[in-house]
Amino acid sequence: MKHTERRTEWITIGKIVKTRGIRGEVKVLPLTDIPDRFEYLNSVHVMWPDGRVQQLVIENASYHHGGVFLCFEGYSSIEQSEQLVGCSLAVDRATSPKLPEGVYYHYEILDADVYTEQGDYLGNVTDILETGSHDVYVVRREEKEYLIPSTNEIVLTIDREQKKILIRPICGLLEL
């Protein structure tokens, strides 16, 4: 019997930005479209700047003024928690909830190749700007950069598996 090991693909869901109080609580900047997911997680993986990955058990998650505050098992003082500041928090991609049709995680869009409906290659998505009404995909190819609004009239299809986006540019969209 052949055994294949699945390689873990990490998805960053937050970044620890500071400590709060003296009991080891940390404030997390959520980098997820599902900010309440911290309530349902038992643990997260801390991505250290030196490349280490460490699993931490979440003892408590709370929310205040748009911030997420976490307490981790084994981190009960400000001195212990200060070392976590600047670290990213990640989960295994396989544990992410399936989204409804037409809704995508940022990691599914980033690095996707973008083509016009005529087959012209524009570049790949290097960033996503959240404007409030809709996202804007930053598409780069060599020296050119395009800002593509993620609206139904412009973005025709997004292929998650192929990492390919097909667009119908409106007049003036691709002009520099």
N, C-alpha and C. Protein backbone atom coordinates (compact mmCIF):
# COMPACT_ATOMS: atom_id res chain seq x y z
N MET A 1 0.85 -1.18 0.00
CA MET A 1 0.00 0.00 0.00
C MET A 1 0.89 1.24 0.00
N LYS A 2 0.61 2.15 -0.89
CA LYS A 2 1.39 3.37 -1.01
C LYS A 2 0.85 4.42 -0.05
N HIS A 3 1.77 5.03 0.70
CA HIS A 3 1.38 6.07 1.66
C HIS A 3 1.86 7.41 1.12
N THR A 4 0.93 8.34 0.96
CA THR A 4 1.33 9.68 0.52
C THR A 4 1.08 10.64 1.66
N GLU A 5 2.08 11.41 1.98
CA GLU A 5 1.97 12.39 3.07
C GLU A 5 1.55 13.73 2.49
N ARG A 6 0.52 14.30 3.06
CA ARG A 6 0.04 15.60 2.61
C ARG A 6 0.91 16.68 3.22
N ARG A 7 1.40 17.57 2.38
CA ARG A 7 2.22 18.69 2.85
C ARG A 7 1.28 19.76 3.39
N THR A 8 1.56 20.25 4.59
CA THR A 8 0.73 21.27 5.20
C THR A 8 0.91 22.59 4.47
N GLU A 9 -0.20 23.18 4.09
CA GLU A 9 -0.19 24.51 3.48
C GLU A 9 -0.82 25.46 4.48
N TRP A 10 -0.04 26.43 4.94
CA TRP A 10 -0.49 27.34 5.96
C TRP A 10 -1.22 28.54 5.38
N ILE A 11 -2.25 28.97 6.08
CA ILE A 11 -2.98 30.19 5.74
C ILE A 11 -2.86 31.12 6.93
N THR A 12 -2.34 32.30 6.68
CA THR A 12 -2.20 33.28 7.75
C THR A 12 -3.57 33.89 8.03
N ILE A 13 -3.97 33.84 9.31
CA ILE A 13 -5.28 34.38 9.69
C ILE A 13 -5.17 35.56 10.63
N GLY A 14 -3.95 35.88 11.06
CA GLY A 14 -3.78 37.01 11.96
C GLY A 14 -2.32 37.29 12.25
N LYS A 15 -2.10 38.45 12.86
CA LYS A 15 -0.76 38.85 13.27
C LYS A 15 -0.85 39.44 14.67
N ILE A 16 0.03 39.00 15.55
CA ILE A 16 0.04 39.51 16.91
C ILE A 16 0.72 40.88 16.89
N VAL A 17 -0.03 41.91 17.32
CA VAL A 17 0.47 43.28 17.21
C VAL A 17 0.94 43.87 18.54
N LYS A 18 0.41 43.36 19.66
CA LYS A 18 0.87 43.87 20.96
C LYS A 18 0.30 43.01 22.07
N THR A 19 0.81 43.27 23.28
CA THR A 19 0.27 42.60 24.45
C THR A 19 -0.80 43.50 25.07
N ARG A 20 -1.62 42.90 25.93
CA ARG A 20 -2.63 43.68 26.66
C ARG A 20 -2.69 43.16 28.09
N GLY A 21 -2.56 44.07 29.01
CA GLY A 21 -2.62 43.68 30.42
C GLY A 21 -1.34 42.99 30.86
N ILE A 22 -1.39 42.42 32.04
CA ILE A 22 -0.19 41.79 32.61
C ILE A 22 -0.30 40.27 32.67
N ARG A 23 -1.41 39.71 32.22
CA ARG A 23 -1.64 38.27 32.33
C ARG A 23 -1.35 37.51 31.04
N GLY A 24 -0.67 38.13 30.08
CA GLY A 24 -0.25 37.41 28.89
C GLY A 24 -1.17 37.49 27.69
N GLU A 25 -2.22 38.27 27.77
CA GLU A 25 -3.15 38.40 26.64
C GLU A 25 -2.46 39.17 25.51
N VAL A 26 -2.76 38.78 24.26
CA VAL A 26 -2.21 39.48 23.10
C VAL A 26 -3.33 39.98 22.20
N LYS A 27 -3.06 41.10 21.53
CA LYS A 27 -4.00 41.63 20.55
C LYS A 27 -3.58 41.13 19.18
N VAL A 28 -4.56 40.65 18.42
CA VAL A 28 -4.32 40.09 17.10
C VAL A 28 -5.03 40.94 16.06
N LEU A 29 -4.29 41.30 15.01
CA LEU A 29 -4.88 41.93 13.84
C LEU A 29 -5.42 40.80 12.98
N PRO A 30 -6.76 40.68 12.83
CA PRO A 30 -7.29 39.57 12.04
C PRO A 30 -7.00 39.79 10.54
N LEU A 31 -6.50 38.76 9.89
CA LEU A 31 -6.23 38.79 8.45
C LEU A 31 -7.07 37.71 7.78
N THR A 32 -8.34 37.73 8.09
CA THR A 32 -9.26 36.71 7.62
C THR A 32 -10.61 37.36 7.38
N ASP A 33 -11.36 36.80 6.45
CA ASP A 33 -12.72 37.27 6.20
C ASP A 33 -13.70 36.70 7.22
N ILE A 34 -13.20 35.85 8.10
CA ILE A 34 -14.03 35.22 9.13
C ILE A 34 -13.41 35.53 10.49
N PRO A 35 -13.50 36.78 10.95
CA PRO A 35 -12.81 37.16 12.19
C PRO A 35 -13.27 36.40 13.43
N ASP A 36 -14.52 35.90 13.45
CA ASP A 36 -14.97 35.18 14.63
C ASP A 36 -14.45 33.73 14.67
N ARG A 37 -13.64 33.35 13.67
CA ARG A 37 -13.11 31.99 13.63
C ARG A 37 -12.25 31.68 14.84
N PHE A 38 -11.67 32.72 15.47
CA PHE A 38 -10.82 32.50 16.64
C PHE A 38 -11.61 31.89 17.80
N GLU A 39 -12.92 32.16 17.86
CA GLU A 39 -13.77 31.59 18.90
C GLU A 39 -13.84 30.08 18.80
N TYR A 40 -13.76 29.55 17.58
CA TYR A 40 -13.99 28.14 17.35
C TYR A 40 -12.71 27.33 17.23
N LEU A 41 -11.56 28.02 17.25
CA LEU A 41 -10.29 27.31 17.14
C LEU A 41 -9.81 26.86 18.52
N ASN A 42 -9.29 25.67 18.59
CA ASN A 42 -8.68 25.18 19.81
C ASN A 42 -7.21 25.57 19.87
N SER A 43 -6.60 25.70 18.68
CA SER A 43 -5.19 26.03 18.62
C SER A 43 -4.89 26.74 17.30
N VAL A 44 -3.74 27.38 17.26
CA VAL A 44 -3.23 28.02 16.04
C VAL A 44 -1.74 27.72 15.96
N HIS A 45 -1.16 27.96 14.81
CA HIS A 45 0.27 27.79 14.63
C HIS A 45 0.91 29.17 14.56
N VAL A 46 1.90 29.36 15.41
CA VAL A 46 2.64 30.62 15.44
C VAL A 46 3.79 30.48 14.45
N MET A 47 3.87 31.45 13.54
CA MET A 47 4.94 31.48 12.55
C MET A 47 5.98 32.49 13.03
N TRP A 48 7.09 32.00 13.54
CA TRP A 48 8.14 32.85 14.08
C TRP A 48 8.96 33.45 12.94
N PRO A 49 9.52 34.64 13.14
CA PRO A 49 10.34 35.28 12.09
C PRO A 49 11.52 34.42 11.62
N ASP A 50 12.03 33.54 12.49
CA ASP A 50 13.17 32.71 12.11
C ASP A 50 12.75 31.44 11.36
N GLY A 51 11.44 31.30 11.06
CA GLY A 51 10.96 30.15 10.30
C GLY A 51 10.37 29.03 11.14
N ARG A 52 10.53 29.09 12.44
CA ARG A 52 9.95 28.05 13.29
C ARG A 52 8.43 28.12 13.24
N VAL A 53 7.80 26.98 13.42
CA VAL A 53 6.35 26.89 13.51
C VAL A 53 6.03 26.21 14.83
N GLN A 54 5.19 26.84 15.63
CA GLN A 54 4.86 26.31 16.95
C GLN A 54 3.35 26.31 17.13
N GLN A 55 2.80 25.19 17.53
CA GLN A 55 1.37 25.12 17.80
C GLN A 55 1.10 25.59 19.22
N LEU A 56 0.13 26.52 19.36
CA LEU A 56 -0.26 27.01 20.68
C LEU A 56 -1.75 26.76 20.89
N VAL A 57 -2.09 26.35 22.09
CA VAL A 57 -3.48 26.12 22.48
C VAL A 57 -4.09 27.45 22.91
N ILE A 58 -5.27 27.75 22.37
CA ILE A 58 -5.98 28.97 22.74
C ILE A 58 -6.81 28.68 23.98
N GLU A 59 -6.54 29.43 25.05
CA GLU A 59 -7.33 29.29 26.28
C GLU A 59 -8.58 30.15 26.25
N ASN A 60 -8.47 31.34 25.63
CA ASN A 60 -9.59 32.26 25.60
C ASN A 60 -9.47 33.19 24.40
N ALA A 61 -10.59 33.50 23.78
CA ALA A 61 -10.65 34.47 22.69
C ALA A 61 -11.76 35.47 23.02
N SER A 62 -11.45 36.76 22.86
CA SER A 62 -12.47 37.78 23.08
C SER A 62 -12.31 38.87 22.02
N TYR A 63 -13.33 39.70 21.91
CA TYR A 63 -13.36 40.74 20.88
C TYR A 63 -13.71 42.07 21.53
N HIS A 64 -13.01 43.12 21.09
CA HIS A 64 -13.30 44.45 21.62
C HIS A 64 -12.89 45.49 20.59
N HIS A 65 -13.83 46.33 20.16
CA HIS A 65 -13.59 47.40 19.19
C HIS A 65 -12.84 46.91 17.95
N GLY A 66 -13.29 45.81 17.37
CA GLY A 66 -12.69 45.30 16.15
C GLY A 66 -11.41 44.53 16.35
N GLY A 67 -10.93 44.45 17.57
CA GLY A 67 -9.71 43.70 17.84
C GLY A 67 -10.02 42.32 18.37
N VAL A 68 -9.10 41.41 18.13
CA VAL A 68 -9.21 40.05 18.66
C VAL A 68 -8.15 39.91 19.74
N PHE A 69 -8.55 39.40 20.88
CA PHE A 69 -7.63 39.22 22.00
C PHE A 69 -7.59 37.75 22.36
N LEU A 70 -6.37 37.20 22.43
CA LEU A 70 -6.19 35.79 22.71
C LEU A 70 -5.31 35.57 23.93
N CYS A 71 -5.63 34.51 24.66
CA CYS A 71 -4.78 34.02 25.73
C CYS A 71 -4.34 32.61 25.33
N PHE A 72 -3.03 32.35 25.41
CA PHE A 72 -2.49 31.05 25.04
C PHE A 72 -2.04 30.28 26.28
N GLU A 73 -2.23 28.98 26.22
CA GLU A 73 -1.74 28.10 27.27
C GLU A 73 -0.22 28.25 27.37
N GLY A 74 0.29 28.44 28.60
CA GLY A 74 1.73 28.56 28.80
C GLY A 74 2.25 29.98 28.69
N TYR A 75 1.38 30.93 28.35
CA TYR A 75 1.77 32.34 28.25
C TYR A 75 0.87 33.12 29.21
N SER A 76 1.30 33.19 30.47
CA SER A 76 0.45 33.80 31.49
C SER A 76 1.00 35.11 32.04
N SER A 77 2.07 35.63 31.43
CA SER A 77 2.61 36.92 31.87
C SER A 77 2.94 37.78 30.65
N ILE A 78 3.03 39.07 30.87
CA ILE A 78 3.36 39.99 29.78
C ILE A 78 4.76 39.68 29.24
N GLU A 79 5.67 39.28 30.12
CA GLU A 79 7.03 38.97 29.68
C GLU A 79 7.05 37.78 28.72
N GLN A 80 6.26 36.76 29.00
CA GLN A 80 6.19 35.60 28.11
C GLN A 80 5.55 35.98 26.77
N SER A 81 4.49 36.76 26.81
CA SER A 81 3.74 37.09 25.61
C SER A 81 4.43 38.12 24.72
N GLU A 82 5.29 38.95 25.28
CA GLU A 82 5.98 39.96 24.47
C GLU A 82 6.78 39.34 23.34
N GLN A 83 7.30 38.14 23.55
CA GLN A 83 8.09 37.49 22.51
C GLN A 83 7.23 37.08 21.30
N LEU A 84 5.91 37.03 21.48
CA LEU A 84 5.01 36.66 20.38
C LEU A 84 4.68 37.84 19.47
N VAL A 85 4.90 39.06 19.93
CA VAL A 85 4.56 40.26 19.15
C VAL A 85 5.33 40.24 17.83
N GLY A 86 4.59 40.41 16.73
CA GLY A 86 5.18 40.38 15.40
C GLY A 86 5.03 39.04 14.70
N CYS A 87 4.68 38.01 15.45
CA CYS A 87 4.50 36.68 14.86
C CYS A 87 3.14 36.60 14.15
N SER A 88 3.10 35.80 13.10
CA SER A 88 1.84 35.54 12.39
C SER A 88 1.18 34.30 12.98
N LEU A 89 -0.14 34.25 12.86
CA LEU A 89 -0.91 33.08 13.28
C LEU A 89 -1.48 32.42 12.04
N ALA A 90 -1.35 31.11 11.97
CA ALA A 90 -1.78 30.39 10.78
C ALA A 90 -2.54 29.12 11.14
N VAL A 91 -3.32 28.66 10.17
CA VAL A 91 -4.02 27.38 10.28
C VAL A 91 -3.74 26.59 9.01
N ASP A 92 -3.96 25.31 9.08
CA ASP A 92 -3.82 24.44 7.92
C ASP A 92 -4.92 24.78 6.92
N ARG A 93 -4.55 24.97 5.68
CA ARG A 93 -5.51 25.30 4.62
C ARG A 93 -6.66 24.30 4.58
N ALA A 94 -6.37 23.05 4.85
CA ALA A 94 -7.40 22.00 4.79
C ALA A 94 -8.50 22.20 5.82
N THR A 95 -8.24 22.99 6.87
CA THR A 95 -9.24 23.20 7.91
C THR A 95 -10.12 24.43 7.65
N SER A 96 -9.84 25.17 6.58
CA SER A 96 -10.64 26.36 6.28
C SER A 96 -12.04 25.97 5.83
N PRO A 97 -13.05 26.67 6.33
CA PRO A 97 -14.42 26.36 5.91
C PRO A 97 -14.61 26.60 4.41
N LYS A 98 -15.43 25.77 3.81
CA LYS A 98 -15.75 25.95 2.39
C LYS A 98 -16.64 27.18 2.26
N LEU A 99 -16.30 28.02 1.29
CA LEU A 99 -17.06 29.25 1.08
C LEU A 99 -18.16 29.03 0.05
N PRO A 100 -19.20 29.85 0.09
CA PRO A 100 -20.25 29.74 -0.92
C PRO A 100 -19.72 30.10 -2.31
N GLU A 101 -20.42 29.66 -3.32
CA GLU A 101 -20.06 29.95 -4.71
C GLU A 101 -19.93 31.46 -4.91
N GLY A 102 -18.85 31.86 -5.57
CA GLY A 102 -18.63 33.27 -5.85
C GLY A 102 -17.92 34.04 -4.76
N VAL A 103 -17.56 33.37 -3.65
CA VAL A 103 -16.82 33.99 -2.56
C VAL A 103 -15.49 33.27 -2.46
N TYR A 104 -14.41 34.04 -2.32
CA TYR A 104 -13.07 33.46 -2.37
C TYR A 104 -12.21 33.96 -1.21
N TYR A 105 -11.31 33.10 -0.76
CA TYR A 105 -10.27 33.52 0.17
C TYR A 105 -9.22 34.30 -0.61
N HIS A 106 -8.54 35.21 0.06
CA HIS A 106 -7.49 35.98 -0.60
C HIS A 106 -6.40 35.08 -1.16
N TYR A 107 -6.04 34.02 -0.45
CA TYR A 107 -4.98 33.14 -0.95
C TYR A 107 -5.38 32.45 -2.26
N GLU A 108 -6.67 32.35 -2.54
CA GLU A 108 -7.11 31.75 -3.80
C GLU A 108 -6.97 32.73 -4.96
N ILE A 109 -6.93 34.03 -4.66
CA ILE A 109 -6.83 35.07 -5.68
C ILE A 109 -5.38 35.49 -5.90
N LEU A 110 -4.63 35.64 -4.81
CA LEU A 110 -3.24 36.09 -4.92
C LEU A 110 -2.43 35.13 -5.79
N ASP A 111 -1.62 35.69 -6.66
CA ASP A 111 -0.77 34.95 -7.61
C ASP A 111 -1.54 34.31 -8.76
N ALA A 112 -2.84 34.57 -8.85
CA ALA A 112 -3.61 34.05 -9.98
C ALA A 112 -3.24 34.81 -11.25
N ASP A 113 -3.22 34.11 -12.38
CA ASP A 113 -2.97 34.73 -13.67
C ASP A 113 -4.26 35.36 -14.17
N VAL A 114 -4.15 36.56 -14.73
CA VAL A 114 -5.33 37.29 -15.20
C VAL A 114 -5.26 37.44 -16.71
N TYR A 115 -6.37 37.07 -17.38
CA TYR A 115 -6.49 37.15 -18.83
C TYR A 115 -7.76 37.91 -19.19
N THR A 116 -7.73 38.58 -20.35
CA THR A 116 -8.96 39.17 -20.87
C THR A 116 -9.74 38.07 -21.55
N GLU A 117 -11.00 38.32 -21.84
CA GLU A 117 -11.82 37.31 -22.52
C GLU A 117 -11.32 37.04 -23.93
N GLN A 118 -10.50 37.93 -24.49
CA GLN A 118 -9.90 37.72 -25.81
C GLN A 118 -8.62 36.88 -25.71
N GLY A 119 -8.19 36.54 -24.48
CA GLY A 119 -7.03 35.69 -24.30
C GLY A 119 -5.73 36.43 -24.04
N ASP A 120 -5.78 37.77 -23.88
CA ASP A 120 -4.57 38.54 -23.60
C ASP A 120 -4.18 38.37 -22.13
N TYR A 121 -2.90 38.03 -21.91
CA TYR A 121 -2.38 37.86 -20.56
C TYR A 121 -2.02 39.23 -20.00
N LEU A 122 -2.57 39.58 -18.82
CA LEU A 122 -2.30 40.88 -18.20
C LEU A 122 -1.23 40.81 -17.12
N GLY A 123 -1.11 39.67 -16.46
CA GLY A 123 -0.16 39.52 -15.37
C GLY A 123 -0.77 38.68 -14.26
N ASN A 124 -0.18 38.78 -13.07
CA ASN A 124 -0.76 38.03 -11.96
C ASN A 124 -1.11 38.97 -10.81
N VAL A 125 -2.02 38.50 -9.98
CA VAL A 125 -2.51 39.31 -8.86
C VAL A 125 -1.43 39.33 -7.77
N THR A 126 -0.94 40.53 -7.46
CA THR A 126 0.12 40.67 -6.46
C THR A 126 -0.41 41.22 -5.13
N ASP A 127 -1.59 41.80 -5.17
CA ASP A 127 -2.16 42.38 -3.95
C ASP A 127 -3.66 42.52 -4.13
N ILE A 128 -4.37 42.64 -3.03
CA ILE A 128 -5.82 42.85 -3.06
C ILE A 128 -6.11 44.04 -2.16
N LEU A 129 -6.74 45.07 -2.74
CA LEU A 129 -7.11 46.25 -1.99
C LEU A 129 -8.57 46.13 -1.59
N GLU A 130 -8.85 46.30 -0.31
CA GLU A 130 -10.23 46.24 0.17
C GLU A 130 -10.74 47.67 0.26
N THR A 131 -11.71 48.00 -0.61
CA THR A 131 -12.18 49.38 -0.70
C THR A 131 -13.50 49.62 0.02
N GLY A 132 -14.14 48.58 0.47
CA GLY A 132 -15.43 48.73 1.14
C GLY A 132 -16.55 48.20 0.26
N SER A 133 -16.67 48.73 -0.95
CA SER A 133 -17.75 48.27 -1.83
C SER A 133 -17.38 46.98 -2.55
N HIS A 134 -16.13 46.85 -2.95
CA HIS A 134 -15.63 45.63 -3.60
C HIS A 134 -14.10 45.63 -3.54
N ASP A 135 -13.53 44.47 -3.66
CA ASP A 135 -12.07 44.37 -3.69
C ASP A 135 -11.55 44.86 -5.03
N VAL A 136 -10.29 45.28 -5.03
CA VAL A 136 -9.61 45.67 -6.27
C VAL A 136 -8.35 44.82 -6.34
N TYR A 137 -8.19 44.08 -7.47
CA TYR A 137 -7.03 43.24 -7.66
C TYR A 137 -5.91 44.05 -8.28
N VAL A 138 -4.74 44.03 -7.67
CA VAL A 138 -3.55 44.68 -8.24
C VAL A 138 -2.87 43.62 -9.10
N VAL A 139 -2.84 43.87 -10.41
CA VAL A 139 -2.30 42.91 -11.38
C VAL A 139 -1.02 43.51 -11.97
N ARG A 140 0.07 42.75 -11.89
CA ARG A 140 1.36 43.24 -12.40
C ARG A 140 1.95 42.27 -13.40
N ARG A 141 2.60 42.88 -14.39
CA ARG A 141 3.38 42.13 -15.37
C ARG A 141 4.50 43.05 -15.81
N GLU A 142 5.71 42.66 -15.49
CA GLU A 142 6.90 43.46 -15.79
C GLU A 142 6.70 44.87 -15.25
N GLU A 143 6.71 45.88 -16.11
CA GLU A 143 6.59 47.27 -15.67
C GLU A 143 5.15 47.77 -15.60
N LYS A 144 4.20 46.97 -16.03
CA LYS A 144 2.80 47.42 -16.06
C LYS A 144 2.05 46.95 -14.82
N GLU A 145 1.13 47.81 -14.38
CA GLU A 145 0.28 47.49 -13.25
C GLU A 145 -1.14 47.91 -13.59
N TYR A 146 -2.09 47.03 -13.31
CA TYR A 146 -3.50 47.30 -13.55
C TYR A 146 -4.26 47.14 -12.23
N LEU A 147 -5.26 47.98 -12.05
CA LEU A 147 -6.16 47.87 -10.90
C LEU A 147 -7.49 47.37 -11.43
N ILE A 148 -7.84 46.15 -11.08
CA ILE A 148 -9.02 45.49 -11.62
C ILE A 148 -10.08 45.39 -10.53
N PRO A 149 -11.19 46.15 -10.66
CA PRO A 149 -12.27 46.03 -9.67
C PRO A 149 -12.91 44.63 -9.75
N SER A 150 -13.13 44.05 -8.60
CA SER A 150 -13.73 42.72 -8.55
C SER A 150 -15.26 42.85 -8.55
N THR A 151 -15.78 43.20 -9.72
CA THR A 151 -17.23 43.32 -9.88
C THR A 151 -17.69 42.27 -10.89
N ASN A 152 -18.96 41.93 -10.82
CA ASN A 152 -19.51 40.90 -11.72
C ASN A 152 -19.43 41.28 -13.19
N GLU A 153 -19.50 42.57 -13.50
CA GLU A 153 -19.44 42.95 -14.91
C GLU A 153 -18.01 42.91 -15.46
N ILE A 154 -17.00 42.92 -14.60
CA ILE A 154 -15.61 42.88 -15.07
C ILE A 154 -15.01 41.48 -14.89
N VAL A 155 -15.12 40.90 -13.71
CA VAL A 155 -14.55 39.58 -13.45
C VAL A 155 -15.58 38.53 -13.88
N LEU A 156 -15.24 37.80 -14.95
CA LEU A 156 -16.17 36.82 -15.51
C LEU A 156 -16.09 35.48 -14.79
N THR A 157 -14.85 34.98 -14.60
CA THR A 157 -14.68 33.70 -13.91
C THR A 157 -13.40 33.72 -13.08
N ILE A 158 -13.44 32.94 -12.01
CA ILE A 158 -12.26 32.70 -11.20
C ILE A 158 -12.15 31.19 -11.04
N ASP A 159 -11.05 30.65 -11.52
CA ASP A 159 -10.80 29.21 -11.43
C ASP A 159 -9.84 28.97 -10.26
N ARG A 160 -10.36 28.45 -9.15
CA ARG A 160 -9.55 28.24 -7.95
C ARG A 160 -8.39 27.28 -8.21
N GLU A 161 -8.67 26.17 -8.87
CA GLU A 161 -7.66 25.13 -9.07
C GLU A 161 -6.57 25.58 -10.03
N GLN A 162 -6.95 26.24 -11.12
CA GLN A 162 -5.97 26.69 -12.13
C GLN A 162 -5.33 28.03 -11.77
N LYS A 163 -5.87 28.70 -10.72
CA LYS A 163 -5.41 30.05 -10.33
C LYS A 163 -5.43 30.96 -11.57
N LYS A 164 -6.62 31.03 -12.17
CA LYS A 164 -6.79 31.81 -13.40
C LYS A 164 -8.06 32.66 -13.29
N ILE A 165 -7.93 33.93 -13.65
CA ILE A 165 -9.06 34.86 -13.62
C ILE A 165 -9.28 35.38 -15.03
N LEU A 166 -10.52 35.36 -15.46
CA LEU A 166 -10.90 35.87 -16.78
C LEU A 166 -11.72 37.13 -16.59
N ILE A 167 -11.30 38.21 -17.27
CA ILE A 167 -11.99 39.49 -17.10
C ILE A 167 -12.49 40.03 -18.43
N ARG A 168 -13.50 40.90 -18.33
CA ARG A 168 -14.00 41.67 -19.47
C ARG A 168 -13.73 43.13 -19.11
N PRO A 169 -12.63 43.70 -19.65
CA PRO A 169 -12.30 45.08 -19.28
C PRO A 169 -13.28 46.08 -19.86
N ILE A 170 -13.64 47.06 -19.03
CA ILE A 170 -14.48 48.14 -19.53
C ILE A 170 -13.57 49.19 -20.17
N CYS A 171 -14.15 50.08 -20.91
CA CYS A 171 -13.40 51.11 -21.63
C CYS A 171 -12.54 51.91 -20.65
N GLY A 172 -11.24 52.01 -20.95
CA GLY A 172 -10.32 52.80 -20.16
C GLY A 172 -9.65 52.05 -19.03
N LEU A 173 -10.11 50.85 -18.70
CA LEU A 173 -9.57 50.11 -17.56
C LEU A 173 -8.11 49.74 -17.72
N LEU A 174 -7.71 49.37 -18.94
CA LEU A 174 -6.35 48.88 -19.16
C LEU A 174 -5.41 49.94 -19.74
N GLU A 175 -5.91 51.16 -19.87
CA GLU A 175 -5.07 52.22 -20.40
C GLU A 175 -4.24 52.82 -19.28
N LEU A 176 -3.00 53.16 -19.60
CA LEU A 176 -2.10 53.75 -18.58
C LEU A 176 -2.15 55.26 -18.63
